Each structure stands twice: as structure tokens, then as C-alpha cells.
Amino acid sequence: MEIIKVNLSTDWSDSEIINKALTVLQRNGAIVYPTDTVYGLGVNALRESAVERLFRMKKRPLTKPVPVIIHNLAMAKKLALVDRRTERVLAAIWPGPVTVILKKRETIPGFLTAGKETIGLRIADCQLTKALAAKLEGPITATSANFSGQPPLSSASQVAEIFDKAYPRPDLILDAGQLPNNQPSSILDLTGQQPKILRVGPASKENLLKLLKT
């Protein structure tokens, strides 16, 4: 389990660290990476063997779908059904600490969504995570870097400690130190006629309701 110190203020457009993380993802490996909320556990979301390994790593029930980090709205449209109204909402709330539940496209494999017809997507307000997704040209799992049922972690040293003697475990940790936010993303369900706030996180209910009116 390799640990690399990172500075989130770095220009990530052309980075050896991003290239190293990309190589891990392309080889079905797992990385721990900082976001604008907590540390995420990332694998190539469209590789079944990588996602299966992630479930074992987190001790996560196979009935729980895995949300993903994406790069832009164009990628969202490739993964989910996005009409004009939904696109306006997404443009208002992203990038930011909000995971949006949408109806998935038929091409998205069931192993990622636990057989459900929906998928959770997010564009994080973090240049590093956007650079990772852009370089991979696909979604990266965005579940928190912890064991299922345990609190999410905002410290890379805590993540390294809990996975130190675990198997399987992440191949690479991008260590940005202590993140300022210690809450997982808010979750907004846009699959019905009326939006539903399923989890309140850094984006408050009041702020979400204001954005939904835009």
C-alpha cells in the first residue's frame, strides 16, 4: 500500500501522480483519494472485477449500490438519463458536495448499481478528483474510504491505519492530510416527479431547495 503526499492546490492538468493513480485504476487496482468532502475509495467503476474487489475491501453488502465521481455533464449523460430540466439542476449544484440519484442507462452494468435502475453521480469541487475522472475517461467509485457501517474518514493517516492489516486493501493512498470537511456528500434523488433529499451533508436542505428553484 503506497502512500503519496499531495497538495490540493497543485495544478493537476499534467501530473505524474495522476498518471500513477491512473495506472493503478487501469490495472483494476484501488486508490484512496481526497475529495471536497471525505476520502474516497476509487476503482474503475466499469470493471466488474475491480468493483467486486472494492466490495470485499469495504466489507460492503452486495445489495448497496456504489456512487461514482465523474468529470463533467457530458459524462453524466453517458451514464444516466438527463433531460433539460435535470441538466439545469445539475449545472446549479455541481461541482459540489451533492450526489445525485438518476435513472441509469441500460449500458451501465448491474454489478455497480446492485441491480437497481438508478445510479448515484457527483462532480466534486476538487481539481484532483476531476483530473482523475478526466484522465480515466470514465467514472470512478466514490464510496467513502472506510469499512461499511463505520464513520467516513477525513484523515489519510486514519484511512491508512484501518486498512494497514486488511486484505484486500488499497494499492495507493493520495494523502492530502486532514480534509477540512468531515461529512459525506448530500444525496438528492431526481428520479421522481418531485426531488427528494435522501441525506443532508455539507449542502444544507435550505441551500438545496434554493438551487432546485433555479
C-alpha atoms as a PDB file:
ATOM      1  CA  MET A   1       0.000   0.000   0.000  1.00  0.00           C
ATOM      2  CA  GLU A   2       1.895   3.017  -1.286  1.00  0.00           C
ATOM      3  CA  ILE A   3       1.249   6.456   0.214  1.00  0.00           C
ATOM      4  CA  ILE A   4       1.985   9.652  -1.733  1.00  0.00           C
ATOM      5  CA  LYS A   5       1.655  13.107  -0.216  1.00  0.00           C
ATOM      6  CA  VAL A   6      -0.348  15.527  -2.354  1.00  0.00           C
ATOM      7  CA  ASN A   7      -1.124  19.234  -2.248  1.00  0.00           C
ATOM      8  CA  LEU A   8      -4.672  20.024  -3.366  1.00  0.00           C
ATOM      9  CA  SER A   9      -3.656  23.458  -4.629  1.00  0.00           C
ATOM     10  CA  THR A  10      -1.415  21.858  -7.276  1.00  0.00           C
ATOM     11  CA  ASP A  11      -2.212  22.143 -10.975  1.00  0.00           C
ATOM     12  CA  TRP A  12      -3.335  18.598 -11.782  1.00  0.00           C
ATOM     13  CA  SER A  13      -3.765  19.030 -15.539  1.00  0.00           C
ATOM     14  CA  ASP A  14      -0.476  17.240 -16.254  1.00  0.00           C
ATOM     15  CA  SER A  15       0.747  15.367 -13.209  1.00  0.00           C
ATOM     16  CA  GLU A  16       2.923  12.292 -12.688  1.00  0.00           C
ATOM     17  CA  ILE A  17       0.858  11.478  -9.599  1.00  0.00           C
ATOM     18  CA  ILE A  18      -2.358  11.474 -11.626  1.00  0.00           C
ATOM     19  CA  ASN A  19      -0.677   9.239 -14.201  1.00  0.00           C
ATOM     20  CA  LYS A  20       0.434   6.859 -11.444  1.00  0.00           C
ATOM     21  CA  ALA A  21      -3.088   6.712  -9.998  1.00  0.00           C
ATOM     22  CA  LEU A  22      -4.469   6.166 -13.490  1.00  0.00           C
ATOM     23  CA  THR A  23      -2.162   3.194 -13.994  1.00  0.00           C
ATOM     24  CA  VAL A  24      -3.461   1.654 -10.760  1.00  0.00           C
ATOM     25  CA  LEU A  25      -7.083   2.132 -11.882  1.00  0.00           C
ATOM     26  CA  GLN A  26      -6.411   0.712 -15.329  1.00  0.00           C
ATOM     27  CA  ARG A  27      -4.906  -2.400 -13.738  1.00  0.00           C
ATOM     28  CA  ASN A  28      -8.070  -2.962 -11.659  1.00  0.00           C
ATOM     29  CA  GLY A  29      -6.364  -1.601  -8.554  1.00  0.00           C
ATOM     30  CA  ALA A  30      -7.830   0.627  -5.859  1.00  0.00           C
ATOM     31  CA  ILE A  31      -6.843   4.109  -4.750  1.00  0.00           C
ATOM     32  CA  VAL A  32      -7.769   6.290  -1.809  1.00  0.00           C
ATOM     33  CA  TYR A  33      -8.165   9.900  -2.871  1.00  0.00           C
ATOM     34  CA  PRO A  34      -9.202  13.212  -1.289  1.00  0.00           C
ATOM     35  CA  THR A  35     -12.393  14.972  -2.338  1.00  0.00           C
ATOM     36  CA  ASP A  36     -14.225  18.121  -1.268  1.00  0.00           C
ATOM     37  CA  THR A  37     -15.915  16.028   1.445  1.00  0.00           C
ATOM     38  CA  VAL A  38     -14.138  12.920   2.815  1.00  0.00           C
ATOM     39  CA  TYR A  39     -11.608  10.434   1.435  1.00  0.00           C
ATOM     40  CA  GLY A  40     -12.987   8.220  -1.305  1.00  0.00           C
ATOM     41  CA  LEU A  41     -12.151   4.646  -2.252  1.00  0.00           C
ATOM     42  CA  GLY A  42     -11.777   4.560  -6.005  1.00  0.00           C
ATOM     43  CA  VAL A  43     -11.695   1.828  -8.616  1.00  0.00           C
ATOM     44  CA  ASN A  44     -12.596   1.823 -12.287  1.00  0.00           C
ATOM     45  CA  ALA A  45     -16.373   1.776 -11.899  1.00  0.00           C
ATOM     46  CA  LEU A  46     -16.983  -0.097 -15.160  1.00  0.00           C
ATOM     47  CA  ARG A  47     -14.639  -3.005 -14.391  1.00  0.00           C
ATOM     48  CA  GLU A  48     -16.555  -5.808 -12.679  1.00  0.00           C
ATOM     49  CA  SER A  49     -13.517  -7.428 -11.061  1.00  0.00           C
ATOM     50  CA  ALA A  50     -12.394  -4.073  -9.651  1.00  0.00           C
ATOM     51  CA  VAL A  51     -15.836  -3.318  -8.198  1.00  0.00           C
ATOM     52  CA  GLU A  52     -16.097  -6.810  -6.704  1.00  0.00           C
ATOM     53  CA  ARG A  53     -12.728  -6.267  -5.015  1.00  0.00           C
ATOM     54  CA  LEU A  54     -13.958  -2.925  -3.666  1.00  0.00           C
ATOM     55  CA  PHE A  55     -16.971  -4.630  -2.061  1.00  0.00           C
ATOM     56  CA  ARG A  56     -14.650  -7.104  -0.348  1.00  0.00           C
ATOM     57  CA  MET A  57     -12.280  -4.327   0.693  1.00  0.00           C
ATOM     58  CA  LYS A  58     -15.038  -2.311   2.351  1.00  0.00           C
ATOM     59  CA  LYS A  59     -16.932  -5.380   3.629  1.00  0.00           C
ATOM     60  CA  ARG A  60     -19.890  -3.780   1.889  1.00  0.00           C
ATOM     61  CA  PRO A  61     -23.162  -5.675   1.323  1.00  0.00           C
ATOM     62  CA  LEU A  62     -23.674  -6.507  -2.351  1.00  0.00           C
ATOM     63  CA  THR A  63     -27.172  -5.010  -2.087  1.00  0.00           C
ATOM     64  CA  LYS A  64     -25.776  -1.480  -1.642  1.00  0.00           C
ATOM     65  CA  PRO A  65     -25.049   0.350  -4.911  1.00  0.00           C
ATOM     66  CA  VAL A  66     -21.827   2.316  -5.337  1.00  0.00           C
ATOM     67  CA  PRO A  67     -21.902   6.020  -6.272  1.00  0.00           C
ATOM     68  CA  VAL A  68     -19.359   7.406  -8.717  1.00  0.00           C
ATOM     69  CA  ILE A  69     -17.299  10.514  -9.339  1.00  0.00           C
ATOM     70  CA  ILE A  70     -17.468  11.916 -12.867  1.00  0.00           C
ATOM     71  CA  HIS A  71     -15.683  14.681 -14.748  1.00  0.00           C
ATOM     72  CA  ASN A  72     -18.436  16.730 -16.375  1.00  0.00           C
ATOM     73  CA  LEU A  73     -22.065  16.828 -17.520  1.00  0.00           C
ATOM     74  CA  ALA A  74     -21.203  15.092 -20.763  1.00  0.00           C
ATOM     75  CA  MET A  75     -20.068  12.073 -18.773  1.00  0.00           C
ATOM     76  CA  ALA A  76     -23.261  12.219 -16.696  1.00  0.00           C
ATOM     77  CA  LYS A  77     -25.306  11.969 -19.890  1.00  0.00           C
ATOM     78  CA  LYS A  78     -23.382   8.859 -20.942  1.00  0.00           C
ATOM     79  CA  LEU A  79     -24.217   7.133 -17.674  1.00  0.00           C
ATOM     80  CA  ALA A  80     -27.712   8.382 -16.865  1.00  0.00           C
ATOM     81  CA  LEU A  81     -30.889   9.769 -18.408  1.00  0.00           C
ATOM     82  CA  VAL A  82     -30.633  13.555 -18.210  1.00  0.00           C
ATOM     83  CA  ASP A  83     -33.405  15.750 -19.600  1.00  0.00           C
ATOM     84  CA  ARG A  84     -33.197  19.549 -19.929  1.00  0.00           C
ATOM     85  CA  ARG A  85     -34.760  20.243 -16.539  1.00  0.00           C
ATOM     86  CA  THR A  86     -32.397  17.809 -14.820  1.00  0.00           C
ATOM     87  CA  GLU A  87     -29.439  19.294 -16.672  1.00  0.00           C
ATOM     88  CA  ARG A  88     -30.298  22.753 -15.304  1.00  0.00           C
ATOM     89  CA  VAL A  89     -30.408  21.347 -11.767  1.00  0.00           C
ATOM     90  CA  LEU A  90     -27.088  19.539 -12.192  1.00  0.00           C
ATOM     91  CA  ALA A  91     -25.451  22.680 -13.587  1.00  0.00           C
ATOM     92  CA  ALA A  92     -26.623  24.581 -10.498  1.00  0.00           C
ATOM     93  CA  ILE A  93     -25.370  22.112  -7.879  1.00  0.00           C
ATOM     94  CA  TRP A  94     -22.170  20.780  -9.495  1.00  0.00           C
ATOM     95  CA  PRO A  95     -19.318  20.837  -8.838  1.00  0.00           C
ATOM     96  CA  GLY A  96     -20.070  20.398  -5.167  1.00  0.00           C
ATOM     97  CA  PRO A  97     -20.796  18.054  -2.270  1.00  0.00           C
ATOM     98  CA  VAL A  98     -24.028  16.604  -3.686  1.00  0.00           C
ATOM     99  CA  THR A  99     -24.528  13.079  -5.037  1.00  0.00           C
ATOM    100  CA  VAL A 100     -27.487  12.950  -7.417  1.00  0.00           C
ATOM    101  CA  ILE A 101     -29.537   9.797  -7.981  1.00  0.00           C
ATOM    102  CA  LEU A 102     -30.662   9.439 -11.614  1.00  0.00           C
ATOM    103  CA  LYS A 103     -32.105   6.684 -13.775  1.00  0.00           C
ATOM    104  CA  LYS A 104     -29.188   4.833 -15.318  1.00  0.00           C
ATOM    105  CA  ARG A 105     -28.695   3.989 -18.945  1.00  0.00           C
ATOM    106  CA  GLU A 106     -29.085   0.344 -19.920  1.00  0.00           C
ATOM    107  CA  THR A 107     -25.383   0.124 -20.738  1.00  0.00           C
ATOM    108  CA  ILE A 108     -24.415   0.606 -17.071  1.00  0.00           C
ATOM    109  CA  PRO A 109     -23.690  -2.807 -15.525  1.00  0.00           C
ATOM    110  CA  GLY A 110     -25.795  -4.080 -12.657  1.00  0.00           C
ATOM    111  CA  PHE A 111     -22.778  -5.003 -10.511  1.00  0.00           C
ATOM    112  CA  LEU A 112     -22.168  -1.280  -9.944  1.00  0.00           C
ATOM    113  CA  THR A 113     -25.763  -0.393  -9.073  1.00  0.00           C
ATOM    114  CA  ALA A 114     -26.622  -3.551  -7.095  1.00  0.00           C
ATOM    115  CA  GLY A 115     -29.154  -4.421  -9.789  1.00  0.00           C
ATOM    116  CA  LYS A 116     -31.061  -1.159  -9.338  1.00  0.00           C
ATOM    117  CA  GLU A 117     -32.218   1.000 -12.244  1.00  0.00           C
ATOM    118  CA  THR A 118     -30.609   4.103 -10.762  1.00  0.00           C
ATOM    119  CA  ILE A 119     -27.088   5.421 -10.322  1.00  0.00           C
ATOM    120  CA  GLY A 120     -25.517   7.992  -7.993  1.00  0.00           C
ATOM    121  CA  LEU A 121     -23.306  10.598  -9.676  1.00  0.00           C
ATOM    122  CA  ARG A 122     -21.210  13.504  -8.439  1.00  0.00           C
ATOM    123  CA  ILE A 123     -18.779  16.091  -9.747  1.00  0.00           C
ATOM    124  CA  ALA A 124     -16.646  17.020  -6.765  1.00  0.00           C
ATOM    125  CA  ASP A 125     -15.393  20.558  -6.252  1.00  0.00           C
ATOM    126  CA  CYS A 126     -11.826  19.248  -6.238  1.00  0.00           C
ATOM    127  CA  GLN A 127      -9.401  19.589  -9.134  1.00  0.00           C
ATOM    128  CA  LEU A 128      -7.622  16.356  -8.260  1.00  0.00           C
ATOM    129  CA  THR A 129     -10.756  14.210  -8.451  1.00  0.00           C
ATOM    130  CA  LYS A 130     -11.882  15.887 -11.672  1.00  0.00           C
ATOM    131  CA  ALA A 131      -8.443  15.294 -13.188  1.00  0.00           C
ATOM    132  CA  LEU A 132      -8.598  11.604 -12.231  1.00  0.00           C
ATOM    133  CA  ALA A 133     -12.006  11.079 -13.845  1.00  0.00           C
ATOM    134  CA  ALA A 134     -10.992  13.067 -16.919  1.00  0.00           C
ATOM    135  CA  LYS A 135      -7.767  11.086 -17.345  1.00  0.00           C
ATOM    136  CA  LEU A 136      -9.587   7.764 -16.932  1.00  0.00           C
ATOM    137  CA  GLU A 137     -12.319   8.983 -19.309  1.00  0.00           C
ATOM    138  CA  GLY A 138     -14.840   7.190 -17.154  1.00  0.00           C
ATOM    139  CA  PRO A 139     -16.427   7.042 -13.703  1.00  0.00           C
ATOM    140  CA  ILE A 140     -14.503   6.298 -10.504  1.00  0.00           C
ATOM    141  CA  THR A 141     -16.222   4.795  -7.486  1.00  0.00           C
ATOM    142  CA  ALA A 142     -16.862   7.411  -4.833  1.00  0.00           C
ATOM    143  CA  THR A 143     -17.746   5.378  -1.778  1.00  0.00           C
ATOM    144  CA  SER A 144     -16.021   6.547   1.409  1.00  0.00           C
ATOM    145  CA  ALA A 145     -12.650   5.014   2.294  1.00  0.00           C
ATOM    146  CA  ASN A 146     -13.677   3.023   5.350  1.00  0.00           C
ATOM    147  CA  PHE A 147     -15.289  -0.255   6.339  1.00  0.00           C
ATOM    148  CA  SER A 148     -19.018  -0.437   5.680  1.00  0.00           C
ATOM    149  CA  GLY A 149     -21.054   0.869   8.597  1.00  0.00           C
ATOM    150  CA  GLN A 150     -18.138   2.822  10.069  1.00  0.00           C
ATOM    151  CA  PRO A 151     -17.857   6.647  10.053  1.00  0.00           C
ATOM    152  CA  PRO A 152     -16.337   8.228   6.918  1.00  0.00           C
ATOM    153  CA  LEU A 153     -12.787   9.497   7.329  1.00  0.00           C
ATOM    154  CA  SER A 154     -11.288  12.896   6.562  1.00  0.00           C
ATOM    155  CA  SER A 155      -7.738  11.979   7.597  1.00  0.00           C
ATOM    156  CA  ALA A 156      -5.440   9.978   5.317  1.00  0.00           C
ATOM    157  CA  SER A 157      -3.498   8.634   8.306  1.00  0.00           C
ATOM    158  CA  GLN A 158      -6.720   7.167   9.731  1.00  0.00           C
ATOM    159  CA  VAL A 159      -7.500   5.555   6.377  1.00  0.00           C
ATOM    160  CA  ALA A 160      -4.012   4.040   6.229  1.00  0.00           C
ATOM    161  CA  GLU A 161      -4.361   2.738   9.772  1.00  0.00           C
ATOM    162  CA  ILE A 162      -7.653   0.899   9.256  1.00  0.00           C
ATOM    163  CA  PHE A 163      -6.526  -0.722   6.003  1.00  0.00           C
ATOM    164  CA  ASP A 164      -2.967  -1.486   7.140  1.00  0.00           C
ATOM    165  CA  LYS A 165      -3.624  -5.126   8.040  1.00  0.00           C
ATOM    166  CA  ALA A 166      -6.709  -5.630   5.878  1.00  0.00           C
ATOM    167  CA  TYR A 167      -6.969  -7.845   2.823  1.00  0.00           C
ATOM    168  CA  PRO A 168      -7.646  -6.858   0.172  1.00  0.00           C
ATOM    169  CA  ARG A 169      -6.550  -3.297   0.718  1.00  0.00           C
ATOM    170  CA  PRO A 170      -5.976  -0.182  -1.425  1.00  0.00           C
ATOM    171  CA  ASP A 171      -2.907  -0.113  -3.646  1.00  0.00           C
ATOM    172  CA  LEU A 172      -2.311   3.630  -3.403  1.00  0.00           C
ATOM    173  CA  ILE A 173      -3.278   6.405  -0.983  1.00  0.00           C
ATOM    174  CA  LEU A 174      -3.120  10.023  -2.139  1.00  0.00           C
ATOM    175  CA  ASP A 175      -2.529  11.738   1.180  1.00  0.00           C
ATOM    176  CA  ALA A 176      -3.721  15.343   1.391  1.00  0.00           C
ATOM    177  CA  GLY A 177      -3.625  15.284   5.174  1.00  0.00           C
ATOM    178  CA  GLN A 178      -6.656  16.307   7.194  1.00  0.00           C
ATOM    179  CA  LEU A 179      -9.506  17.446   4.970  1.00  0.00           C
ATOM    180  CA  PRO A 180     -11.479  20.477   6.184  1.00  0.00           C
ATOM    181  CA  ASN A 181     -14.840  18.772   5.675  1.00  0.00           C
ATOM    182  CA  ASN A 182     -15.778  15.666   7.654  1.00  0.00           C
ATOM    183  CA  GLN A 183     -19.198  14.919   6.214  1.00  0.00           C
ATOM    184  CA  PRO A 184     -20.088  12.724   3.249  1.00  0.00           C
ATOM    185  CA  SER A 185     -21.972  14.352   0.381  1.00  0.00           C
ATOM    186  CA  SER A 186     -25.637  15.229   0.487  1.00  0.00           C
ATOM    187  CA  ILE A 187     -27.804  12.859  -1.585  1.00  0.00           C
ATOM    188  CA  LEU A 188     -30.513  14.188  -3.897  1.00  0.00           C
ATOM    189  CA  ASP A 189     -32.905  11.841  -5.702  1.00  0.00           C
ATOM    190  CA  LEU A 190     -34.126  13.240  -9.036  1.00  0.00           C
ATOM    191  CA  THR A 191     -35.744  10.057 -10.346  1.00  0.00           C
ATOM    192  CA  GLY A 192     -39.325  11.010  -9.438  1.00  0.00           C
ATOM    193  CA  GLN A 193     -41.685  13.843 -10.212  1.00  0.00           C
ATOM    194  CA  GLN A 194     -40.510  15.691  -7.118  1.00  0.00           C
ATOM    195  CA  PRO A 195     -36.888  15.857  -5.907  1.00  0.00           C
ATOM    196  CA  LYS A 196     -36.158  14.051  -2.641  1.00  0.00           C
ATOM    197  CA  ILE A 197     -33.321  14.855  -0.265  1.00  0.00           C
ATOM    198  CA  LEU A 198     -32.177  11.447   0.998  1.00  0.00           C
ATOM    199  CA  ARG A 199     -29.210  12.649   3.060  1.00  0.00           C
ATOM    200  CA  VAL A 200     -28.219  16.068   4.297  1.00  0.00           C
ATOM    201  CA  GLY A 201     -24.469  16.672   4.284  1.00  0.00           C
ATOM    202  CA  PRO A 202     -22.331  19.753   3.622  1.00  0.00           C
ATOM    203  CA  ALA A 203     -25.061  21.113   1.319  1.00  0.00           C
ATOM    204  CA  SER A 204     -27.892  22.019   3.688  1.00  0.00           C
ATOM    205  CA  LYS A 205     -31.535  21.271   2.971  1.00  0.00           C
ATOM    206  CA  GLU A 206     -32.230  25.000   2.635  1.00  0.00           C
ATOM    207  CA  ASN A 207     -29.450  25.524   0.094  1.00  0.00           C
ATOM    208  CA  LEU A 208     -30.518  22.507  -1.927  1.00  0.00           C
ATOM    209  CA  LEU A 209     -34.113  23.731  -2.046  1.00  0.00           C
ATOM    210  CA  LYS A 210     -32.907  27.139  -3.269  1.00  0.00           C
ATOM    211  CA  LEU A 211     -30.831  25.521  -6.021  1.00  0.00           C
ATOM    212  CA  LEU A 212     -33.763  23.359  -7.103  1.00  0.00           C
ATOM    213  CA  LYS A 213     -35.777  26.502  -7.747  1.00  0.00           C
ATOM    214  CA  THR A 214     -33.224  27.897 -10.216  1.00  0.00           C
END
